[in-house]
Protein backbone atom coordinates (compact mmCIF):
# COMPACT_ATOMS: atom_id res chain seq x y z
CA MET A 1 77.87 -12.08 3.06
CA GLY A 2 75.31 -9.31 2.69
CA THR A 3 73.52 -11.27 0.02
CA GLY A 4 73.16 -14.31 2.27
CA ARG A 5 71.68 -12.26 5.06
CA MET A 6 69.14 -10.75 2.74
CA ILE A 7 68.11 -14.17 1.52
CA LYS A 8 67.69 -15.39 5.10
CA ARG A 9 65.58 -12.35 5.97
CA MET A 10 63.36 -12.90 2.94
CA ILE A 11 62.89 -16.56 3.87
CA ILE A 12 61.97 -15.61 7.45
CA MET A 13 59.54 -12.99 6.19
CA LEU A 14 57.97 -15.47 3.82
CA LEU A 15 57.61 -17.97 6.62
CA LEU A 16 56.01 -15.34 8.84
CA VAL A 17 53.62 -14.35 6.07
CA GLY A 18 52.74 -18.01 5.51
CA VAL A 19 52.06 -18.55 9.19
CA VAL A 20 49.86 -15.47 9.35
CA LEU A 21 47.97 -16.36 6.21
CA GLY A 22 47.59 -19.99 7.32
CA GLY A 23 46.21 -18.93 10.66
CA PHE A 24 43.83 -16.49 9.01
CA PHE A 25 42.49 -19.00 6.50
CA GLY A 26 42.34 -21.71 9.13
CA PHE A 27 40.28 -19.44 11.38
CA GLN A 28 37.97 -18.62 8.49
CA ALA A 29 37.50 -22.32 7.74
CA PHE A 30 36.82 -23.06 11.42
CA LYS A 31 34.41 -20.13 11.54
CA ALA A 32 32.58 -21.32 8.44
CA LYS A 33 32.35 -24.84 9.89
CA MET A 34 30.90 -23.55 13.15
CA ILE A 35 28.43 -21.33 11.31
CA HIS A 36 27.32 -24.25 9.16
CA LYS A 37 26.89 -26.45 12.23
CA PHE A 38 24.92 -23.71 13.99
CA LEU A 39 22.69 -23.13 10.99
CA ALA A 40 22.14 -26.87 10.64
CA SER A 41 21.08 -27.10 14.26
CA MET A 42 18.80 -24.12 13.85
CA ALA A 43 17.23 -25.61 10.73
CA ASN A 44 16.10 -28.73 12.61
CA PRO A 45 15.56 -27.83 16.28
CA PRO A 46 13.68 -30.23 18.58
CA GLN A 47 9.92 -29.76 18.27
CA ALA A 48 7.72 -29.68 21.38
CA VAL A 49 4.93 -32.26 21.27
CA SER A 50 2.48 -33.85 23.67
CA THR A 51 2.25 -37.63 23.80
CA THR A 52 0.27 -40.49 25.25
CA LYS A 53 0.83 -44.19 25.77
CA ALA A 54 -1.21 -46.47 23.52
CA VAL A 55 -3.41 -48.63 25.73
CA VAL A 56 -5.92 -51.40 25.10
CA GLN A 57 -9.47 -50.60 26.23
CA PRO A 58 -12.76 -52.53 26.05
CA TRP A 59 -14.86 -51.23 23.17
CA GLN A 60 -18.61 -51.75 22.91
CA PRO A 61 -19.90 -51.16 19.36
CA GLN A 62 -22.75 -48.69 19.35
CA ILE A 63 -25.32 -47.26 16.99
CA HIS A 64 -25.70 -43.49 17.27
CA ALA A 65 -28.83 -41.67 16.17
CA VAL A 66 -30.78 -38.46 16.65
CA GLY A 67 -34.50 -38.14 17.13
CA SER A 68 -37.42 -36.21 18.57
CA LEU A 69 -39.39 -36.78 21.74
CA ARG A 70 -43.15 -37.11 21.67
CA ALA A 71 -45.75 -37.83 24.31
CA VAL A 72 -47.24 -41.30 24.67
CA LYS A 73 -50.58 -39.46 24.76
CA GLY A 74 -50.89 -35.80 23.88
CA ALA A 75 -53.66 -33.51 22.68
CA GLU A 76 -54.82 -29.92 22.48
CA LEU A 77 -58.12 -30.02 24.33
CA SER A 78 -61.11 -28.16 22.92
CA LEU A 79 -64.92 -28.28 22.85
CA GLU A 80 -67.00 -29.17 19.81
CA VAL A 81 -69.67 -26.57 20.61
CA SER A 82 -69.55 -22.81 21.07
CA GLY A 83 -70.52 -20.84 24.15
CA ILE A 84 -69.45 -18.53 26.98
CA VAL A 85 -66.97 -19.88 29.53
CA GLU A 86 -68.73 -20.14 32.89
CA LYS A 87 -66.16 -21.98 35.00
CA ILE A 88 -62.52 -23.07 34.79
CA ASP A 89 -61.50 -25.84 37.20
CA PHE A 90 -57.77 -26.17 36.49
CA THR A 91 -54.52 -24.23 36.73
CA SER A 92 -51.69 -24.13 34.20
CA GLY A 93 -49.10 -26.86 34.74
CA GLN A 94 -51.39 -29.03 36.84
CA ASP A 95 -51.31 -32.84 36.84
CA VAL A 96 -54.80 -34.29 36.36
CA GLN A 97 -56.42 -37.70 36.30
CA ALA A 98 -58.59 -39.04 33.50
CA GLY A 99 -62.15 -37.67 33.72
CA THR A 100 -61.24 -34.54 35.71
CA GLU A 101 -63.58 -31.62 34.92
CA LEU A 102 -61.58 -28.78 33.41
CA LEU A 103 -63.97 -26.22 31.92
CA LYS A 104 -67.72 -25.58 31.63
CA LEU A 105 -69.75 -23.42 29.27
CA ARG A 106 -73.03 -21.73 30.25
CA ASP A 107 -75.84 -24.26 29.88
CA GLU A 108 -78.94 -22.76 31.63
CA ASP A 109 -81.09 -22.95 28.49
CA ASP A 110 -80.02 -26.51 27.79
CA VAL A 111 -80.75 -27.59 31.36
CA ALA A 112 -84.21 -25.96 31.25
CA LYS A 113 -84.98 -27.74 27.99
CA LEU A 114 -83.80 -31.01 29.54
CA GLN A 115 -86.18 -30.53 32.45
CA ALA A 116 -89.07 -29.92 30.04
CA LEU A 117 -88.22 -33.08 28.16
CA GLN A 118 -88.02 -35.03 31.42
CA ALA A 119 -91.52 -33.80 32.33
CA THR A 120 -92.82 -34.93 28.94
CA ALA A 121 -91.14 -38.30 29.40
CA ASN A 122 -92.68 -38.68 32.86
CA LEU A 123 -96.14 -38.03 31.41
CA ALA A 124 -95.48 -40.51 28.63
CA GLN A 125 -94.44 -43.07 31.26
CA LEU A 126 -97.66 -42.52 33.26
CA THR A 127 -99.77 -42.82 30.13
CA TYR A 128 -98.03 -46.02 29.11
CA ASN A 129 -98.42 -47.57 32.60
CA ARG A 130 -102.14 -46.68 32.65
CA ASP A 131 -102.63 -48.12 29.18
CA LEU A 132 -101.07 -51.39 30.29
CA LYS A 133 -103.76 -51.76 32.96
CA GLN A 134 -106.54 -50.75 30.56
CA LEU A 135 -105.34 -53.22 27.97
CA LYS A 136 -105.71 -56.02 30.50
CA ALA A 137 -109.29 -54.83 31.09
CA GLN A 138 -109.69 -54.67 27.29
CA THR A 139 -110.80 -51.01 27.39
CA ILE A 140 -108.17 -49.91 24.83
CA SER A 141 -106.67 -51.51 21.78
CA GLN A 142 -103.18 -52.89 21.32
CA ALA A 143 -102.54 -50.17 18.72
CA THR A 144 -103.08 -47.46 21.33
CA LEU A 145 -100.62 -49.15 23.70
CA ASP A 146 -98.04 -49.46 20.92
CA SER A 147 -98.43 -45.76 20.11
CA ASP A 148 -97.96 -44.77 23.74
CA ARG A 149 -94.86 -47.00 23.98
CA ALA A 150 -93.39 -45.26 20.95
CA ASN A 151 -94.12 -41.85 22.48
CA LEU A 152 -92.34 -42.91 25.68
CA LYS A 153 -89.25 -44.12 23.82
CA ASN A 154 -89.18 -40.92 21.77
CA ALA A 155 -89.36 -38.81 24.93
CA GLN A 156 -86.53 -40.80 26.53
CA ALA A 157 -84.41 -40.46 23.36
CA GLN A 158 -84.92 -36.68 23.39
CA ILE A 159 -83.73 -36.62 27.01
CA ASP A 160 -80.56 -38.54 26.03
CA GLN A 161 -79.99 -36.18 23.09
CA GLN A 162 -80.39 -33.11 25.27
CA GLN A 163 -78.14 -34.58 27.97
CA ALA A 164 -75.47 -35.19 25.32
CA ALA A 165 -75.75 -31.55 24.24
CA ILE A 166 -75.19 -30.46 27.86
CA ASP A 167 -72.26 -32.86 28.27
CA LYS A 168 -70.61 -31.30 25.22
CA LYS A 169 -70.37 -28.03 27.16
CA LEU A 170 -68.26 -29.71 29.83
CA LEU A 171 -64.56 -30.34 29.08
CA ARG A 172 -62.99 -33.33 30.85
CA ALA A 173 -59.45 -34.72 30.76
CA PRO A 174 -59.55 -37.69 28.34
CA PHE A 175 -56.49 -39.27 30.02
CA ALA A 176 -54.15 -38.67 32.94
CA GLY A 177 -51.37 -36.21 32.21
CA HIS A 178 -49.75 -32.84 32.67
CA LEU A 179 -51.64 -29.71 31.61
CA GLY A 180 -49.99 -26.90 29.71
CA ILE A 181 -50.76 -23.18 29.80
CA ARG A 182 -54.41 -22.10 29.89
CA GLN A 183 -55.48 -20.30 26.72
CA VAL A 184 -58.97 -19.03 27.72
CA ASP A 185 -60.60 -16.99 30.50
CA VAL A 186 -63.91 -17.02 32.34
CA GLY A 187 -66.55 -14.98 30.47
CA GLN A 188 -64.85 -15.43 27.12
CA TYR A 189 -66.93 -16.53 24.12
CA LEU A 190 -65.41 -19.75 22.90
CA ASN A 191 -65.80 -20.89 19.32
CA ALA A 192 -66.07 -24.60 18.65
CA GLY A 193 -62.63 -26.17 18.23
CA THR A 194 -60.70 -23.39 20.00
CA ALA A 195 -57.74 -24.81 21.94
CA VAL A 196 -58.29 -24.54 25.69
CA VAL A 197 -55.15 -26.22 27.05
CA THR A 198 -52.59 -28.86 26.09
CA LEU A 199 -52.57 -32.19 27.92
CA GLN A 200 -49.51 -34.43 27.72
CA ALA A 201 -48.79 -37.81 29.29
CA LEU A 202 -45.06 -37.49 30.04
CA ASP A 203 -44.04 -40.69 31.83
CA PRO A 204 -42.97 -42.64 29.93
CA ILE A 205 -42.22 -40.68 26.76
CA TYR A 206 -41.54 -41.79 23.19
CA LEU A 207 -38.33 -41.11 21.25
CA ASP A 208 -38.72 -41.45 17.48
CA PHE A 209 -35.61 -41.74 15.31
CA TYR A 210 -34.41 -43.10 11.97
CA LEU A 211 -31.68 -45.61 11.15
CA PRO A 212 -30.21 -46.66 7.78
CA GLN A 213 -31.43 -49.98 6.49
CA GLN A 214 -27.95 -51.47 7.09
CA ALA A 215 -28.55 -51.16 10.85
CA LEU A 216 -31.66 -53.37 10.81
CA ALA A 217 -29.57 -56.48 11.45
CA GLU A 218 -28.17 -54.93 14.66
CA ILE A 219 -31.37 -53.70 16.29
CA ARG A 220 -34.31 -55.49 17.88
CA VAL A 221 -37.35 -54.74 20.00
CA GLY A 222 -36.45 -54.59 23.70
CA GLN A 223 -32.85 -53.49 23.07
CA PRO A 224 -31.62 -50.99 25.73
CA VAL A 225 -31.01 -47.37 24.67
CA ILE A 226 -29.45 -44.38 26.39
CA ALA A 227 -30.75 -40.92 25.46
CA HIS A 228 -29.12 -37.51 25.95
CA VAL A 229 -30.54 -33.99 25.65
CA ASP A 230 -28.71 -30.66 25.62
CA THR A 231 -30.92 -29.36 28.42
CA PHE A 232 -29.38 -31.86 30.87
CA PRO A 233 -25.89 -32.52 29.44
CA ASN A 234 -24.65 -34.56 32.40
CA GLN A 235 -27.65 -36.91 32.58
CA GLN A 236 -28.52 -40.13 30.82
CA PHE A 237 -32.08 -41.33 30.26
CA ALA A 238 -32.57 -45.08 30.00
CA GLY A 239 -35.13 -46.78 27.82
CA LYS A 240 -35.62 -49.55 25.30
CA VAL A 241 -36.62 -50.05 21.70
CA MET A 242 -40.39 -50.37 21.54
CA ALA A 243 -41.19 -50.76 17.84
CA ILE A 244 -39.53 -50.91 14.43
CA ASN A 245 -41.46 -49.73 11.41
CA PRO A 246 -42.02 -52.70 9.06
CA GLN A 247 -41.46 -50.46 6.02
CA VAL A 248 -38.24 -48.78 4.83
CA ASP A 249 -38.62 -45.32 3.35
CA PRO A 250 -37.97 -45.81 -0.40
CA ASN A 251 -36.56 -42.28 -0.75
CA SER A 252 -34.06 -42.18 2.11
CA ARG A 253 -33.66 -45.97 2.67
CA ASN A 254 -34.10 -45.29 6.38
CA VAL A 255 -36.41 -47.06 8.79
CA GLN A 256 -38.28 -45.40 11.64
CA VAL A 257 -37.68 -46.77 15.13
CA ARG A 258 -39.47 -45.84 18.36
CA ALA A 259 -37.98 -46.13 21.84
CA VAL A 260 -39.80 -45.61 25.12
CA ILE A 261 -37.89 -43.62 27.77
CA ASP A 262 -38.54 -43.48 31.50
CA ASN A 263 -39.33 -39.89 32.51
CA PRO A 264 -40.45 -39.91 36.17
CA LYS A 265 -39.34 -36.31 36.84
CA HIS A 266 -40.94 -34.97 33.64
CA GLN A 267 -37.57 -33.56 32.55
CA LEU A 268 -38.09 -34.65 28.96
CA LEU A 269 -40.77 -32.79 27.03
CA PRO A 270 -42.44 -33.51 23.68
CA GLY A 271 -40.70 -31.80 20.79
CA MET A 272 -37.23 -31.94 22.34
CA PHE A 273 -34.25 -32.95 20.18
CA ALA A 274 -32.32 -35.92 21.59
CA THR A 275 -29.34 -38.10 20.73
CA LEU A 276 -29.19 -41.76 21.64
CA ASP A 277 -26.76 -44.66 21.81
CA ILE A 278 -27.70 -48.29 21.28
CA ASP A 279 -25.27 -51.08 22.17
CA SER A 280 -24.90 -53.51 19.28
CA GLY A 281 -22.79 -56.62 18.89
CA ALA A 282 -20.16 -58.11 21.19
CA GLU A 283 -17.59 -56.12 23.14
CA HIS A 284 -13.98 -56.01 21.76
CA ASP A 285 -10.58 -54.87 23.03
CA TYR A 286 -8.86 -52.24 20.85
CA VAL A 287 -5.84 -49.97 21.06
CA THR A 288 -7.45 -46.60 21.76
CA LEU A 289 -6.03 -43.15 20.99
CA PRO A 290 -7.30 -39.57 21.07
CA GLN A 291 -8.66 -38.56 17.69
CA THR A 292 -6.15 -35.68 17.59
CA ALA A 293 -3.34 -38.24 17.24
CA ILE A 294 -4.56 -39.37 13.82
CA ALA A 295 -3.66 -37.51 10.64
CA TYR A 296 -6.23 -38.39 7.99
CA ASN A 297 -4.85 -38.19 4.43
CA PRO A 298 -6.05 -39.32 1.00
CA TYR A 299 -3.21 -41.84 0.87
CA GLY A 300 -3.90 -43.23 4.35
CA SER A 301 -4.10 -42.35 8.02
CA THR A 302 -0.86 -41.86 9.96
CA VAL A 303 0.45 -41.26 13.46
CA TYR A 304 3.87 -40.26 14.81
CA LEU A 305 5.59 -42.55 17.31
CA VAL A 306 8.25 -41.17 19.66
CA GLU A 307 11.43 -43.27 19.83
CA HIS A 308 14.80 -42.97 21.56
CA ALA A 309 17.74 -42.08 19.30
CA GLY A 310 20.65 -42.35 21.70
CA ASP A 311 20.07 -39.84 24.44
CA LYS A 312 17.59 -37.91 22.30
CA LEU A 313 14.00 -38.42 21.14
CA SER A 314 12.88 -38.55 17.52
CA ALA A 315 9.57 -39.00 15.68
CA ARG A 316 8.75 -41.82 13.30
CA GLN A 317 5.71 -41.71 11.04
CA THR A 318 3.67 -44.90 10.60
CA PHE A 319 0.46 -45.82 8.80
CA VAL A 320 -2.51 -47.03 10.83
CA THR A 321 -5.90 -48.58 10.20
CA THR A 322 -8.64 -46.93 12.24
CA GLY A 323 -11.99 -48.31 13.31
CA ALA A 324 -15.01 -46.79 14.99
CA THR A 325 -14.98 -43.60 17.04
CA ARG A 326 -16.59 -42.80 20.39
CA GLY A 327 -16.48 -39.36 21.92
CA ASP A 328 -12.89 -38.07 21.65
CA GLN A 329 -11.43 -41.53 21.00
CA VAL A 330 -10.75 -43.69 17.98
CA ALA A 331 -10.05 -47.41 17.81
CA VAL A 332 -6.76 -48.31 16.07
CA LEU A 333 -6.91 -51.72 14.42
CA THR A 334 -3.35 -51.92 13.05
CA GLY A 335 -0.15 -49.85 13.10
CA VAL A 336 0.24 -49.12 16.83
CA LYS A 337 1.12 -51.57 19.59
CA PRO A 338 0.13 -51.24 23.24
CA GLY A 339 2.72 -49.31 25.22
CA GLU A 340 4.10 -47.31 22.29
CA THR A 341 4.35 -43.53 22.75
CA VAL A 342 2.18 -41.65 20.28
CA VAL A 343 2.21 -37.93 19.48
CA THR A 344 -1.18 -36.39 20.24
CA ALA A 345 -0.45 -32.71 19.47
CA GLY A 346 2.23 -30.84 17.52
CA GLN A 347 2.64 -33.42 14.74
CA ILE A 348 2.00 -30.85 12.02
CA LYS A 349 5.62 -29.70 12.46
CA LEU A 350 7.11 -33.19 12.24
CA HIS A 351 8.60 -35.44 9.61
CA ASN A 352 10.40 -38.75 9.83
CA GLY A 353 13.43 -38.42 12.10
CA SER A 354 12.47 -35.03 13.55
CA PRO A 355 14.00 -34.48 17.02
CA VAL A 356 11.32 -33.84 19.61
CA THR A 357 10.88 -32.78 23.20
CA VAL A 358 7.87 -33.94 25.20
CA ASN A 359 5.65 -31.44 27.01
CA ASN A 360 2.53 -33.05 28.46
CA THR A 361 1.34 -30.12 30.56
CA VAL A 362 -1.62 -29.73 28.19
CA GLN A 363 -3.36 -32.84 26.89
CA PRO A 364 -6.03 -33.06 24.17
CA ALA A 365 -9.51 -34.34 25.03
CA ASN A 366 -9.62 -38.11 25.41
CA ALA A 367 -13.02 -39.02 26.85
CA ALA A 368 -15.20 -41.89 25.66
CA ASN A 369 -18.36 -39.99 26.66
CA PRO A 370 -17.49 -36.28 26.65
CA THR A 371 -19.85 -33.81 28.28
CA PRO A 372 -20.01 -30.06 27.57
CA THR A 373 -18.36 -27.82 30.14
CA GLU A 374 -19.15 -24.22 30.90
CA ASP A 375 -16.26 -21.77 31.14
């Protein structure tokens, strides 16, 4: 009887131990499963990305180039003779017409010499007129008349020569334009060839630039151009192609092209650096994305598309073929369809199947013609 009770107690104790151990190991297994699930979720959390819808936009092919502005007419004005500045008849920055007197050197001695030569020429004229009458009366010979005629012509030539010497001491504007900053003062001794002032014809103005020889088939005289300068970042300056150099540079294989730009407000100045766009070819419709959406790799360019996976979002990588760029945008020829959602920022953290969350509070630049902004 006592033995039976002991056996029963041992069985009960064993059962209790088994229940306790089973519960303990079951809890440990459940705990390990939960930890594994938690770690798995932490290893692949949803990544925050910004997105945009792929849309079709009209796309005008363009040729982009850089060049330098130069005046249609421009010169540093100077005199070809030396002397002391007697009078200055212009101010810096003045607009002048062709023939306007700008500066005069002292010319008293030259004027006095001119007057003496004029007196000599007058006497020669009187002598010649008198000889004509005497020749008719046959009181002098034809040789004497010829000699007096030669003396008269010589006297008149000396007057012209002296007048030219005086004119060289007077500086006139050779063409209409805008004067620069005066470089001389009244009373200053001026050596021949010293720059007095710069004169530039500013409207219109030339824009010289170079294009590769491959672009020759897409450009022609009269083609419209749009120029931009950093000085006026929000303005466009219209013009047209004026001339194409008939020779390609054998070293660079580039050809020089000249455009003429309207400049009524004289905002563009010679020597400025400018960029320009030239429309070329027919307009096309392309799927357009921000350039930040494209990942350029040696094995090909890719984008990430956002797709629904049940009630969640995931990323799918796809290869694309890109075309030309304009501003912040790039044309996508294949790989993306209109209306698809494309990741524009945050794709560096993604791989195929990555869960994502969309946060479009900040969007990358996506302008066809971006302009600088000041903070």
